[in-house]
């Protein structure tokens, strides 16, 4: 990462008083952010909740290549945070090469609890049986930005963290909601799978999501943003 980009993400705390229980309860998500969050949860976001009686924190993380997208997410969820995005340096022990991750976390808030309850079972992320009720064009766009990639032959969604039964639910939802035909591909790692949308379906995918894609992420649809 260039030095200017590093400076851009230097983290400084935003001064706020400790929130009371009442103040935390006053935070809400509008419909658009709920749709965004559904896509993020299907993608890279991590949700942390220490007990059934505690509130949920969201943790957003992207590699340096997607720093503009990470900043975009931060702007969307800024009012739920205390700190700006920070940089983590990761050094490969074998090659000694460095790479950078950028991340930010929200406060632990009650408004996120329903999404944790919807997607997590005994601490493991799962796909809810009624995912088709929640999967919108906005959600699909953010899912692709978080966890999609153009392969040269189509669009791959890196659903490695989900079980095969979860992927079957996603395949069904994509078909019902958007008329998209996804196939399940097994990876080289045992019990890990990805979803694949063929190249001839890309025009439909682009029509569905382009207006909600951040410009820096159009490459995931094989669109040149120049």
C-alpha atoms as a PDB file:
ATOM      1  CA  UNK A   1       0.000   0.000   0.000  1.00  0.00           C
ATOM      2  CA  UNK A   2       1.282   3.461  -0.779  1.00  0.00           C
ATOM      3  CA  UNK A   3       2.279   5.743   2.103  1.00  0.00           C
ATOM      4  CA  UNK A   4      -0.494   8.222   1.253  1.00  0.00           C
ATOM      5  CA  UNK A   5      -3.069   5.459   1.603  1.00  0.00           C
ATOM      6  CA  UNK A   6      -1.590   4.478   4.957  1.00  0.00           C
ATOM      7  CA  UNK A   7      -1.959   8.013   6.244  1.00  0.00           C
ATOM      8  CA  UNK A   8      -5.510   8.116   4.986  1.00  0.00           C
ATOM      9  CA  UNK A   9      -6.444   5.285   7.330  1.00  0.00           C
ATOM     10  CA  UNK A  10      -4.559   6.285  10.445  1.00  0.00           C
ATOM     11  CA  UNK A  11      -7.098   5.749  13.213  1.00  0.00           C
ATOM     12  CA  UNK A  12      -8.056   8.407  15.708  1.00  0.00           C
ATOM     13  CA  UNK A  13     -10.694   7.963  18.356  1.00  0.00           C
ATOM     14  CA  UNK A  14     -13.863   9.997  18.039  1.00  0.00           C
ATOM     15  CA  UNK A  15     -14.535  11.512  21.426  1.00  0.00           C
ATOM     16  CA  UNK A  16     -17.853  10.349  22.814  1.00  0.00           C
ATOM     17  CA  UNK A  17     -19.140   9.711  26.285  1.00  0.00           C
ATOM     18  CA  UNK A  18     -19.964   6.171  27.360  1.00  0.00           C
ATOM     19  CA  UNK A  19     -23.464   5.422  26.144  1.00  0.00           C
ATOM     20  CA  UNK A  20     -26.192   4.483  28.549  1.00  0.00           C
ATOM     21  CA  UNK A  21     -28.554   1.567  27.974  1.00  0.00           C
ATOM     22  CA  UNK A  22     -31.277   3.999  26.902  1.00  0.00           C
ATOM     23  CA  UNK A  23     -28.961   5.769  24.443  1.00  0.00           C
ATOM     24  CA  UNK A  24     -27.937   2.448  22.882  1.00  0.00           C
ATOM     25  CA  UNK A  25     -31.587   1.494  22.512  1.00  0.00           C
ATOM     26  CA  UNK A  26     -32.235   4.688  20.549  1.00  0.00           C
ATOM     27  CA  UNK A  27     -30.043   3.549  17.643  1.00  0.00           C
ATOM     28  CA  UNK A  28     -32.027   2.197  14.694  1.00  0.00           C
ATOM     29  CA  UNK A  29     -31.356   1.036  11.132  1.00  0.00           C
ATOM     30  CA  UNK A  30     -33.319   2.394   8.202  1.00  0.00           C
ATOM     31  CA  UNK A  31     -34.579  -0.001   5.524  1.00  0.00           C
ATOM     32  CA  UNK A  32     -31.659   0.679   3.180  1.00  0.00           C
ATOM     33  CA  UNK A  33     -29.035  -0.103   5.830  1.00  0.00           C
ATOM     34  CA  UNK A  34     -30.901  -3.294   6.727  1.00  0.00           C
ATOM     35  CA  UNK A  35     -30.635  -4.408   3.101  1.00  0.00           C
ATOM     36  CA  UNK A  36     -26.953  -3.464   3.008  1.00  0.00           C
ATOM     37  CA  UNK A  37     -26.333  -5.392   6.201  1.00  0.00           C
ATOM     38  CA  UNK A  38     -27.986  -8.547   4.851  1.00  0.00           C
ATOM     39  CA  UNK A  39     -25.530  -8.487   1.948  1.00  0.00           C
ATOM     40  CA  UNK A  40     -22.600  -7.844   4.283  1.00  0.00           C
ATOM     41  CA  UNK A  41     -23.567 -10.755   6.513  1.00  0.00           C
ATOM     42  CA  UNK A  42     -23.725 -13.093   3.520  1.00  0.00           C
ATOM     43  CA  UNK A  43     -20.269 -11.744   2.682  1.00  0.00           C
ATOM     44  CA  UNK A  44     -17.315 -10.814   4.871  1.00  0.00           C
ATOM     45  CA  UNK A  45     -18.775  -9.137   7.922  1.00  0.00           C
ATOM     46  CA  UNK A  46     -18.214 -10.666  11.357  1.00  0.00           C
ATOM     47  CA  UNK A  47     -20.806 -10.290  14.109  1.00  0.00           C
ATOM     48  CA  UNK A  48     -19.805 -10.618  17.741  1.00  0.00           C
ATOM     49  CA  UNK A  49     -22.139 -11.205  20.650  1.00  0.00           C
ATOM     50  CA  UNK A  50     -20.809 -12.494  23.953  1.00  0.00           C
ATOM     51  CA  UNK A  51     -24.084 -13.804  25.392  1.00  0.00           C
ATOM     52  CA  UNK A  52     -27.822 -13.975  24.720  1.00  0.00           C
ATOM     53  CA  UNK A  53     -28.312 -10.936  26.940  1.00  0.00           C
ATOM     54  CA  UNK A  54     -25.532  -8.791  25.423  1.00  0.00           C
ATOM     55  CA  UNK A  55     -25.716  -6.650  22.307  1.00  0.00           C
ATOM     56  CA  UNK A  56     -24.135  -7.294  18.906  1.00  0.00           C
ATOM     57  CA  UNK A  57     -21.076  -5.617  17.418  1.00  0.00           C
ATOM     58  CA  UNK A  58     -20.306  -5.542  13.674  1.00  0.00           C
ATOM     59  CA  UNK A  59     -16.735  -5.893  12.420  1.00  0.00           C
ATOM     60  CA  UNK A  60     -15.963  -4.854   8.837  1.00  0.00           C
ATOM     61  CA  UNK A  61     -12.664  -5.870   7.208  1.00  0.00           C
ATOM     62  CA  UNK A  62     -11.253  -5.576   3.677  1.00  0.00           C
ATOM     63  CA  UNK A  63      -7.852  -5.902   2.058  1.00  0.00           C
ATOM     64  CA  UNK A  64      -6.045  -2.750   0.959  1.00  0.00           C
ATOM     65  CA  UNK A  65      -7.170  -3.261  -2.661  1.00  0.00           C
ATOM     66  CA  UNK A  66     -10.719  -2.550  -1.528  1.00  0.00           C
ATOM     67  CA  UNK A  67      -9.889   0.389   0.729  1.00  0.00           C
ATOM     68  CA  UNK A  68     -12.320   2.746  -1.032  1.00  0.00           C
ATOM     69  CA  UNK A  69     -15.127   0.259  -0.497  1.00  0.00           C
ATOM     70  CA  UNK A  70     -14.201  -0.093   3.176  1.00  0.00           C
ATOM     71  CA  UNK A  71     -14.379   3.698   3.539  1.00  0.00           C
ATOM     72  CA  UNK A  72     -17.773   3.638   1.816  1.00  0.00           C
ATOM     73  CA  UNK A  73     -19.042   1.109   4.368  1.00  0.00           C
ATOM     74  CA  UNK A  74     -17.612   3.224   7.150  1.00  0.00           C
ATOM     75  CA  UNK A  75     -19.518   6.270   5.927  1.00  0.00           C
ATOM     76  CA  UNK A  76     -22.733   4.222   5.893  1.00  0.00           C
ATOM     77  CA  UNK A  77     -22.251   2.936   9.457  1.00  0.00           C
ATOM     78  CA  UNK A  78     -20.261   5.858  10.868  1.00  0.00           C
ATOM     79  CA  UNK A  79     -22.842   6.937  13.402  1.00  0.00           C
ATOM     80  CA  UNK A  80     -22.719   3.478  14.998  1.00  0.00           C
ATOM     81  CA  UNK A  81     -18.941   3.608  15.585  1.00  0.00           C
ATOM     82  CA  UNK A  82     -16.444   5.183  17.974  1.00  0.00           C
ATOM     83  CA  UNK A  83     -13.298   4.923  15.851  1.00  0.00           C
ATOM     84  CA  UNK A  84     -12.263   5.479  12.262  1.00  0.00           C
ATOM     85  CA  UNK A  85     -10.927   2.550  10.186  1.00  0.00           C
ATOM     86  CA  UNK A  86      -7.516   1.223  11.184  1.00  0.00           C
ATOM     87  CA  UNK A  87      -4.772  -0.659   9.356  1.00  0.00           C
ATOM     88  CA  UNK A  88      -3.408  -4.068  10.310  1.00  0.00           C
ATOM     89  CA  UNK A  89      -0.151  -5.260   8.766  1.00  0.00           C
ATOM     90  CA  UNK A  90       0.071  -8.980   8.041  1.00  0.00           C
ATOM     91  CA  UNK A  91       3.451 -10.517   7.203  1.00  0.00           C
ATOM     92  CA  UNK A  92       3.661 -13.831   5.381  1.00  0.00           C
ATOM     93  CA  UNK A  93       6.182 -15.893   7.374  1.00  0.00           C
ATOM     94  CA  UNK A  94       7.298 -17.843   4.312  1.00  0.00           C
ATOM     95  CA  UNK A  95       7.717 -14.996   1.819  1.00  0.00           C
ATOM     96  CA  UNK A  96       8.188 -12.174   4.357  1.00  0.00           C
ATOM     97  CA  UNK A  97       5.929 -10.052   2.174  1.00  0.00           C
ATOM     98  CA  UNK A  98       3.512  -7.645   3.845  1.00  0.00           C
ATOM     99  CA  UNK A  99      -0.133  -7.052   3.113  1.00  0.00           C
ATOM    100  CA  UNK A 100      -2.616  -4.718   4.746  1.00  0.00           C
ATOM    101  CA  UNK A 101      -6.128  -5.182   6.040  1.00  0.00           C
ATOM    102  CA  UNK A 102      -8.404  -2.283   6.879  1.00  0.00           C
ATOM    103  CA  UNK A 103     -11.161  -2.609   9.417  1.00  0.00           C
ATOM    104  CA  UNK A 104     -13.578  -0.873  11.717  1.00  0.00           C
ATOM    105  CA  UNK A 105     -16.056  -2.012  14.321  1.00  0.00           C
ATOM    106  CA  UNK A 106     -19.369  -0.652  15.519  1.00  0.00           C
ATOM    107  CA  UNK A 107     -20.603  -0.243  19.027  1.00  0.00           C
ATOM    108  CA  UNK A 108     -22.428  -3.227  20.503  1.00  0.00           C
ATOM    109  CA  UNK A 109     -26.040  -2.189  19.931  1.00  0.00           C
ATOM    110  CA  UNK A 110     -29.509  -3.742  20.295  1.00  0.00           C
ATOM    111  CA  UNK A 111     -30.462  -2.776  16.711  1.00  0.00           C
ATOM    112  CA  UNK A 112     -28.027  -5.418  15.423  1.00  0.00           C
ATOM    113  CA  UNK A 113     -29.337  -8.238  17.611  1.00  0.00           C
ATOM    114  CA  UNK A 114     -32.141  -9.306  15.272  1.00  0.00           C
ATOM    115  CA  UNK A 115     -29.607  -9.889  12.496  1.00  0.00           C
ATOM    116  CA  UNK A 116     -27.360 -11.940  14.747  1.00  0.00           C
ATOM    117  CA  UNK A 117     -30.358 -14.028  15.806  1.00  0.00           C
ATOM    118  CA  UNK A 118     -31.365 -14.428  12.167  1.00  0.00           C
ATOM    119  CA  UNK A 119     -27.975 -15.617  10.894  1.00  0.00           C
ATOM    120  CA  UNK A 120     -26.190 -17.215  13.841  1.00  0.00           C
ATOM    121  CA  UNK A 121     -26.922 -20.546  15.519  1.00  0.00           C
ATOM    122  CA  UNK A 122     -24.783 -21.569  18.479  1.00  0.00           C
ATOM    123  CA  UNK A 123     -22.170 -19.036  17.414  1.00  0.00           C
ATOM    124  CA  UNK A 124     -21.939 -20.246  13.799  1.00  0.00           C
ATOM    125  CA  UNK A 125     -23.091 -18.225  10.805  1.00  0.00           C
ATOM    126  CA  UNK A 126     -25.902 -19.954   8.921  1.00  0.00           C
ATOM    127  CA  UNK A 127     -28.365 -18.985   6.201  1.00  0.00           C
ATOM    128  CA  UNK A 128     -31.938 -18.579   7.506  1.00  0.00           C
ATOM    129  CA  UNK A 129     -34.619 -20.752   5.905  1.00  0.00           C
ATOM    130  CA  UNK A 130     -36.508 -17.629   4.820  1.00  0.00           C
ATOM    131  CA  UNK A 131     -33.515 -15.855   3.231  1.00  0.00           C
ATOM    132  CA  UNK A 132     -35.584 -15.122   0.108  1.00  0.00           C
ATOM    133  CA  UNK A 133     -37.650 -12.740   2.268  1.00  0.00           C
ATOM    134  CA  UNK A 134     -34.559 -10.614   2.937  1.00  0.00           C
ATOM    135  CA  UNK A 135     -32.472 -10.883  -0.227  1.00  0.00           C
ATOM    136  CA  UNK A 136     -33.021  -7.697  -2.279  1.00  0.00           C
ATOM    137  CA  UNK A 137     -31.154  -6.061  -5.159  1.00  0.00           C
ATOM    138  CA  UNK A 138     -29.298  -3.909  -2.634  1.00  0.00           C
ATOM    139  CA  UNK A 139     -28.384  -6.969  -0.570  1.00  0.00           C
ATOM    140  CA  UNK A 140     -27.180  -8.787  -3.666  1.00  0.00           C
ATOM    141  CA  UNK A 141     -24.966  -5.846  -4.651  1.00  0.00           C
ATOM    142  CA  UNK A 142     -23.271  -5.704  -1.254  1.00  0.00           C
ATOM    143  CA  UNK A 143     -22.928  -9.485  -1.127  1.00  0.00           C
ATOM    144  CA  UNK A 144     -21.099  -9.386  -4.465  1.00  0.00           C
ATOM    145  CA  UNK A 145     -18.900  -6.470  -3.361  1.00  0.00           C
ATOM    146  CA  UNK A 146     -18.036  -8.253  -0.143  1.00  0.00           C
ATOM    147  CA  UNK A 147     -17.514 -11.778  -1.413  1.00  0.00           C
ATOM    148  CA  UNK A 148     -17.863 -11.952  -5.196  1.00  0.00           C
ATOM    149  CA  UNK A 149     -15.340 -12.172  -7.988  1.00  0.00           C
ATOM    150  CA  UNK A 150     -15.288 -12.329 -11.780  1.00  0.00           C
ATOM    151  CA  UNK A 151     -13.491 -15.501 -12.864  1.00  0.00           C
ATOM    152  CA  UNK A 152     -13.296 -14.928 -16.617  1.00  0.00           C
ATOM    153  CA  UNK A 153     -16.108 -17.393 -17.155  1.00  0.00           C
ATOM    154  CA  UNK A 154     -18.663 -15.950 -14.788  1.00  0.00           C
ATOM    155  CA  UNK A 155     -19.240 -14.664 -11.280  1.00  0.00           C
ATOM    156  CA  UNK A 156     -18.156 -16.630  -8.241  1.00  0.00           C
ATOM    157  CA  UNK A 157     -19.529 -16.008  -4.741  1.00  0.00           C
ATOM    158  CA  UNK A 158     -17.093 -17.247  -2.120  1.00  0.00           C
ATOM    159  CA  UNK A 159     -19.507 -18.954   0.237  1.00  0.00           C
ATOM    160  CA  UNK A 160     -16.848 -21.218   1.783  1.00  0.00           C
ATOM    161  CA  UNK A 161     -18.008 -20.526   5.340  1.00  0.00           C
ATOM    162  CA  UNK A 162     -21.499 -21.918   4.722  1.00  0.00           C
ATOM    163  CA  UNK A 163     -22.686 -25.511   4.781  1.00  0.00           C
ATOM    164  CA  UNK A 164     -24.124 -27.215   1.699  1.00  0.00           C
ATOM    165  CA  UNK A 165     -27.675 -26.900   3.039  1.00  0.00           C
ATOM    166  CA  UNK A 166     -27.128 -23.138   3.372  1.00  0.00           C
ATOM    167  CA  UNK A 167     -26.045 -22.925  -0.247  1.00  0.00           C
ATOM    168  CA  UNK A 168     -29.148 -24.801  -1.353  1.00  0.00           C
ATOM    169  CA  UNK A 169     -31.223 -22.090   0.335  1.00  0.00           C
ATOM    170  CA  UNK A 170     -29.230 -19.358  -1.429  1.00  0.00           C
ATOM    171  CA  UNK A 171     -29.607 -21.057  -4.812  1.00  0.00           C
ATOM    172  CA  UNK A 172     -33.353 -21.189  -4.295  1.00  0.00           C
ATOM    173  CA  UNK A 173     -33.536 -17.535  -3.194  1.00  0.00           C
ATOM    174  CA  UNK A 174     -31.519 -16.322  -6.195  1.00  0.00           C
ATOM    175  CA  UNK A 175     -33.875 -18.175  -8.500  1.00  0.00           C
ATOM    176  CA  UNK A 176     -37.096 -17.039  -6.805  1.00  0.00           C
ATOM    177  CA  UNK A 177     -36.105 -13.405  -6.277  1.00  0.00           C
ATOM    178  CA  UNK A 178     -34.110 -12.637  -9.424  1.00  0.00           C
ATOM    179  CA  UNK A 179     -34.417 -15.513 -11.877  1.00  0.00           C
ATOM    180  CA  UNK A 180     -30.695 -16.276 -11.480  1.00  0.00           C
ATOM    181  CA  UNK A 181     -29.486 -19.857 -11.878  1.00  0.00           C
ATOM    182  CA  UNK A 182     -26.609 -20.526  -9.493  1.00  0.00           C
ATOM    183  CA  UNK A 183     -24.675 -23.762  -9.277  1.00  0.00           C
ATOM    184  CA  UNK A 184     -22.776 -25.112  -6.281  1.00  0.00           C
ATOM    185  CA  UNK A 185     -19.099 -25.900  -6.821  1.00  0.00           C
ATOM    186  CA  UNK A 186     -17.006 -27.893  -4.379  1.00  0.00           C
ATOM    187  CA  UNK A 187     -13.600 -26.411  -3.565  1.00  0.00           C
ATOM    188  CA  UNK A 188     -10.325 -28.221  -3.002  1.00  0.00           C
ATOM    189  CA  UNK A 189     -10.915 -27.916   0.737  1.00  0.00           C
ATOM    190  CA  UNK A 190     -13.159 -30.548   2.292  1.00  0.00           C
ATOM    191  CA  UNK A 191     -16.752 -29.467   2.960  1.00  0.00           C
ATOM    192  CA  UNK A 192     -16.295 -26.005   1.430  1.00  0.00           C
ATOM    193  CA  UNK A 193     -18.356 -24.764  -1.495  1.00  0.00           C
ATOM    194  CA  UNK A 194     -18.789 -21.705  -3.691  1.00  0.00           C
ATOM    195  CA  UNK A 195     -21.691 -20.447  -5.787  1.00  0.00           C
ATOM    196  CA  UNK A 196     -21.234 -19.811  -9.482  1.00  0.00           C
ATOM    197  CA  UNK A 197     -23.245 -17.690 -11.915  1.00  0.00           C
ATOM    198  CA  UNK A 198     -22.402 -18.320 -15.559  1.00  0.00           C
ATOM    199  CA  UNK A 199     -21.074 -15.602 -17.850  1.00  0.00           C
ATOM    200  CA  UNK A 200     -24.300 -15.457 -19.860  1.00  0.00           C
ATOM    201  CA  UNK A 201     -26.123 -14.381 -16.685  1.00  0.00           C
ATOM    202  CA  UNK A 202     -23.847 -11.388 -16.063  1.00  0.00           C
ATOM    203  CA  UNK A 203     -26.030  -8.934 -18.045  1.00  0.00           C
ATOM    204  CA  UNK A 204     -28.936  -9.750 -15.711  1.00  0.00           C
ATOM    205  CA  UNK A 205     -26.712  -9.509 -12.635  1.00  0.00           C
ATOM    206  CA  UNK A 206     -25.397  -6.124 -13.796  1.00  0.00           C
ATOM    207  CA  UNK A 207     -28.916  -4.877 -14.463  1.00  0.00           C
ATOM    208  CA  UNK A 208     -29.933  -5.926 -10.954  1.00  0.00           C
ATOM    209  CA  UNK A 209     -27.055  -4.474  -8.962  1.00  0.00           C
ATOM    210  CA  UNK A 210     -25.060  -1.872 -10.894  1.00  0.00           C
ATOM    211  CA  UNK A 211     -26.743   1.211  -9.451  1.00  0.00           C
ATOM    212  CA  UNK A 212     -25.937   0.000  -5.919  1.00  0.00           C
ATOM    213  CA  UNK A 213     -22.318  -0.971  -6.650  1.00  0.00           C
ATOM    214  CA  UNK A 214     -19.550   1.289  -5.392  1.00  0.00           C
ATOM    215  CA  UNK A 215     -17.538   2.464  -8.439  1.00  0.00           C
ATOM    216  CA  UNK A 216     -14.333   0.942  -7.067  1.00  0.00           C
ATOM    217  CA  UNK A 217     -15.970  -2.506  -7.002  1.00  0.00           C
ATOM    218  CA  UNK A 218     -17.296  -2.657 -10.562  1.00  0.00           C
ATOM    219  CA  UNK A 219     -14.291  -4.772 -11.487  1.00  0.00           C
ATOM    220  CA  UNK A 220     -16.055  -7.648  -9.716  1.00  0.00           C
ATOM    221  CA  UNK A 221     -18.580  -7.569 -12.561  1.00  0.00           C
ATOM    222  CA  UNK A 222     -15.844  -7.201 -15.194  1.00  0.00           C
ATOM    223  CA  UNK A 223     -16.850  -3.572 -15.752  1.00  0.00           C
ATOM    224  CA  UNK A 224     -14.121  -1.028 -16.438  1.00  0.00           C
ATOM    225  CA  UNK A 225     -14.716   2.052 -14.275  1.00  0.00           C
ATOM    226  CA  UNK A 226     -12.577   4.381 -16.412  1.00  0.00           C
END
